[in-house]
């Protein structure tokens, strides 16, 4: 059994300012899928746990509100210990899962479904022209990924958190124009 760790930043909600981070986490996601396929013949299960909105050394100074902790003894949804039961379950001999991604945010565990096929346009017998392809693609129903990302961030950061993150991002980019 192998349990990889990725991040919602690479799987569902790529965050700005550090393109290397979501890219590397997306790579862990692809590695999880490939290893699950390749190692299944040996009985090896490969899954990925994806902490979301968890307080870490990386997030504590960057994400608004992450320094704040509830009073001692109260539920802390950002405590890294929220991941432990999920990892422990994936490690049990009876766990039937392989090739799965479990996003953990507070007390919520979500089975992710990424990199799935969406709508398509198809042409047989002759190549697309640019204008024909543009018209066909524009007619497809597609999600507004920016609206979904903003909604996810607003949910995770709480009231005013998205505005604080955007402000931090603008400051960071102004101070580091080359990234």
Protein backbone atom coordinates (compact mmCIF):
# COMPACT_ATOMS: atom_id res chain seq x y z
CA UNK A 1 0.00 0.00 0.00
CA UNK A 2 1.22 3.45 -0.92
CA UNK A 3 -0.34 6.68 0.34
CA UNK A 4 0.74 9.79 -1.53
CA UNK A 5 0.10 13.32 -0.33
CA UNK A 6 -0.94 16.05 -2.72
CA UNK A 7 -2.87 19.26 -2.26
CA UNK A 8 -6.11 20.75 -3.37
CA UNK A 9 -3.88 23.37 -4.94
CA UNK A 10 -2.78 20.86 -7.55
CA UNK A 11 -5.96 18.82 -7.82
CA UNK A 12 -8.95 21.15 -7.59
CA UNK A 13 -8.00 24.71 -6.73
CA UNK A 14 -4.64 25.86 -8.10
CA UNK A 15 -3.50 28.84 -6.09
CA UNK A 16 -1.67 31.78 -7.64
CA UNK A 17 1.83 33.04 -6.80
CA UNK A 18 3.68 29.72 -6.76
CA UNK A 19 3.03 27.91 -10.02
CA UNK A 20 5.60 25.27 -9.13
CA UNK A 21 3.56 24.10 -6.12
CA UNK A 22 0.26 23.24 -7.87
CA UNK A 23 2.20 21.77 -10.79
CA UNK A 24 4.14 19.43 -8.50
CA UNK A 25 0.98 18.41 -6.63
CA UNK A 26 -0.80 17.67 -9.92
CA UNK A 27 2.19 15.49 -10.82
CA UNK A 28 1.71 13.54 -7.57
CA UNK A 29 -1.89 13.03 -8.64
CA UNK A 30 -0.86 11.63 -12.01
CA UNK A 31 1.76 9.44 -10.32
CA UNK A 32 -0.92 8.06 -7.99
CA UNK A 33 -3.12 7.03 -10.91
CA UNK A 34 -0.27 5.47 -12.89
CA UNK A 35 1.12 3.59 -9.90
CA UNK A 36 -2.36 2.31 -9.00
CA UNK A 37 -2.65 0.89 -12.51
CA UNK A 38 0.88 -0.49 -12.71
CA UNK A 39 1.06 -1.99 -9.22
CA UNK A 40 -2.44 -3.48 -9.05
CA UNK A 41 -1.16 -6.74 -10.57
CA UNK A 42 1.02 -7.09 -7.47
CA UNK A 43 -1.86 -6.35 -5.09
CA UNK A 44 -0.49 -2.93 -4.18
CA UNK A 45 -3.04 -0.23 -3.52
CA UNK A 46 -2.06 3.37 -4.23
CA UNK A 47 -4.14 6.30 -3.02
CA UNK A 48 -3.64 9.98 -2.33
CA UNK A 49 -4.70 12.09 0.61
CA UNK A 50 -5.14 15.78 -0.09
CA UNK A 51 -5.20 18.11 2.92
CA UNK A 52 -7.18 21.28 2.27
CA UNK A 53 -7.15 24.44 4.35
CA UNK A 54 -4.86 22.78 6.89
CA UNK A 55 -2.44 24.83 9.01
CA UNK A 56 1.16 24.02 7.99
CA UNK A 57 4.50 25.79 8.14
CA UNK A 58 3.94 26.75 4.51
CA UNK A 59 0.39 28.06 4.88
CA UNK A 60 0.52 29.73 8.29
CA UNK A 61 2.18 32.93 7.06
CA UNK A 62 0.51 33.09 3.67
CA UNK A 63 -3.14 32.17 4.13
CA UNK A 64 -5.28 34.72 5.97
CA UNK A 65 -6.55 33.53 9.34
CA UNK A 66 -4.30 30.49 9.59
CA UNK A 67 -2.37 31.90 12.56
CA UNK A 68 -5.64 32.13 14.49
CA UNK A 69 -6.44 29.08 16.59
CA UNK A 70 -9.56 28.29 18.57
CA UNK A 71 -9.28 28.15 22.36
CA UNK A 72 -7.58 25.06 23.80
CA UNK A 73 -9.86 22.03 23.67
CA UNK A 74 -12.19 23.41 20.97
CA UNK A 75 -12.54 21.86 17.51
CA UNK A 76 -9.83 23.12 15.16
CA UNK A 77 -10.73 22.29 11.56
CA UNK A 78 -7.27 23.43 10.38
CA UNK A 79 -5.34 21.10 12.70
CA UNK A 80 -3.07 18.79 10.64
CA UNK A 81 -4.30 15.89 12.80
CA UNK A 82 -7.53 15.94 10.74
CA UNK A 83 -5.63 13.95 8.09
CA UNK A 84 -4.48 11.13 10.40
CA UNK A 85 -7.72 9.06 10.44
CA UNK A 86 -7.95 9.23 6.64
CA UNK A 87 -4.36 8.03 6.19
CA UNK A 88 -4.92 5.35 8.82
CA UNK A 89 -8.01 4.09 7.00
CA UNK A 90 -6.17 3.97 3.67
CA UNK A 91 -3.46 1.91 5.39
CA UNK A 92 -5.85 -0.75 6.71
CA UNK A 93 -5.77 -4.19 5.13
CA UNK A 94 -9.52 -4.00 4.50
CA UNK A 95 -9.46 -0.74 2.54
CA UNK A 96 -10.74 -1.56 -0.97
CA UNK A 97 -9.68 1.76 -2.53
CA UNK A 98 -6.94 2.21 -5.08
CA UNK A 99 -6.27 5.09 -7.44
CA UNK A 100 -8.42 7.37 -5.29
CA UNK A 101 -7.99 10.92 -4.02
CA UNK A 102 -9.44 11.90 -0.66
CA UNK A 103 -9.60 15.62 0.06
CA UNK A 104 -9.70 16.39 3.79
CA UNK A 105 -11.02 19.72 5.02
CA UNK A 106 -11.86 19.85 8.71
CA UNK A 107 -14.32 17.01 9.33
CA UNK A 108 -15.24 16.61 5.67
CA UNK A 109 -13.67 13.95 3.47
CA UNK A 110 -14.44 14.29 -0.23
CA UNK A 111 -13.71 11.73 -2.92
CA UNK A 112 -12.24 13.76 -5.78
CA UNK A 113 -12.99 13.15 -9.44
CA UNK A 114 -10.46 15.10 -11.45
CA UNK A 115 -9.00 14.78 -14.85
CA UNK A 116 -12.23 13.35 -16.12
CA UNK A 117 -13.45 13.74 -19.66
CA UNK A 118 -15.92 16.48 -20.30
CA UNK A 119 -17.87 17.55 -23.38
CA UNK A 120 -16.31 16.98 -26.77
CA UNK A 121 -16.66 17.94 -30.38
CA UNK A 122 -15.89 15.40 -33.05
CA UNK A 123 -15.28 15.45 -36.73
CA UNK A 124 -14.63 12.46 -38.94
CA UNK A 125 -13.34 12.47 -42.47
CA UNK A 126 -11.89 15.95 -42.70
CA UNK A 127 -9.85 18.31 -40.53
CA UNK A 128 -11.32 21.20 -38.62
CA UNK A 129 -10.88 24.73 -39.81
CA UNK A 130 -10.09 27.22 -37.08
CA UNK A 131 -13.43 29.00 -37.47
CA UNK A 132 -15.43 25.74 -37.48
CA UNK A 133 -13.59 24.52 -34.39
CA UNK A 134 -14.09 27.85 -32.63
CA UNK A 135 -17.85 27.72 -33.27
CA UNK A 136 -18.10 24.10 -32.14
CA UNK A 137 -16.06 24.64 -28.96
CA UNK A 138 -17.94 27.81 -28.04
CA UNK A 139 -21.22 25.84 -28.19
CA UNK A 140 -20.01 23.30 -25.61
CA UNK A 141 -21.29 23.53 -22.06
CA UNK A 142 -18.31 24.05 -19.80
CA UNK A 143 -17.83 24.96 -16.18
CA UNK A 144 -16.65 28.39 -15.16
CA UNK A 145 -13.45 27.21 -13.50
CA UNK A 146 -12.59 30.67 -12.18
CA UNK A 147 -15.99 31.01 -10.48
CA UNK A 148 -15.60 27.51 -9.00
CA UNK A 149 -12.11 28.33 -7.73
CA UNK A 150 -13.23 31.59 -6.16
CA UNK A 151 -16.21 29.87 -4.48
CA UNK A 152 -13.93 27.16 -3.09
CA UNK A 153 -11.45 29.70 -1.77
CA UNK A 154 -14.17 31.84 -0.22
CA UNK A 155 -15.61 28.76 1.50
CA UNK A 156 -12.23 27.69 2.84
CA UNK A 157 -10.92 31.10 3.87
CA UNK A 158 -14.10 32.42 5.41
CA UNK A 159 -15.52 35.95 5.25
CA UNK A 160 -12.97 38.41 3.92
CA UNK A 161 -10.29 35.74 3.47
CA UNK A 162 -10.38 35.79 -0.32
CA UNK A 163 -9.96 39.58 -0.37
CA UNK A 164 -7.00 39.26 2.03
CA UNK A 165 -5.42 36.57 -0.15
CA UNK A 166 -5.91 38.70 -3.27
CA UNK A 167 -4.34 41.67 -1.47
CA UNK A 168 -1.38 39.54 -0.41
CA UNK A 169 -1.03 38.30 -3.99
CA UNK A 170 -1.06 41.80 -5.43
CA UNK A 171 1.59 42.90 -2.92
CA UNK A 172 3.71 39.83 -3.60
CA UNK A 173 3.56 40.33 -7.36
CA UNK A 174 4.38 44.04 -7.06
CA UNK A 175 7.43 43.26 -4.89
CA UNK A 176 8.53 40.27 -7.04
CA UNK A 177 7.78 41.19 -10.66
CA UNK A 178 9.73 38.25 -12.06
CA UNK A 179 7.82 35.76 -9.87
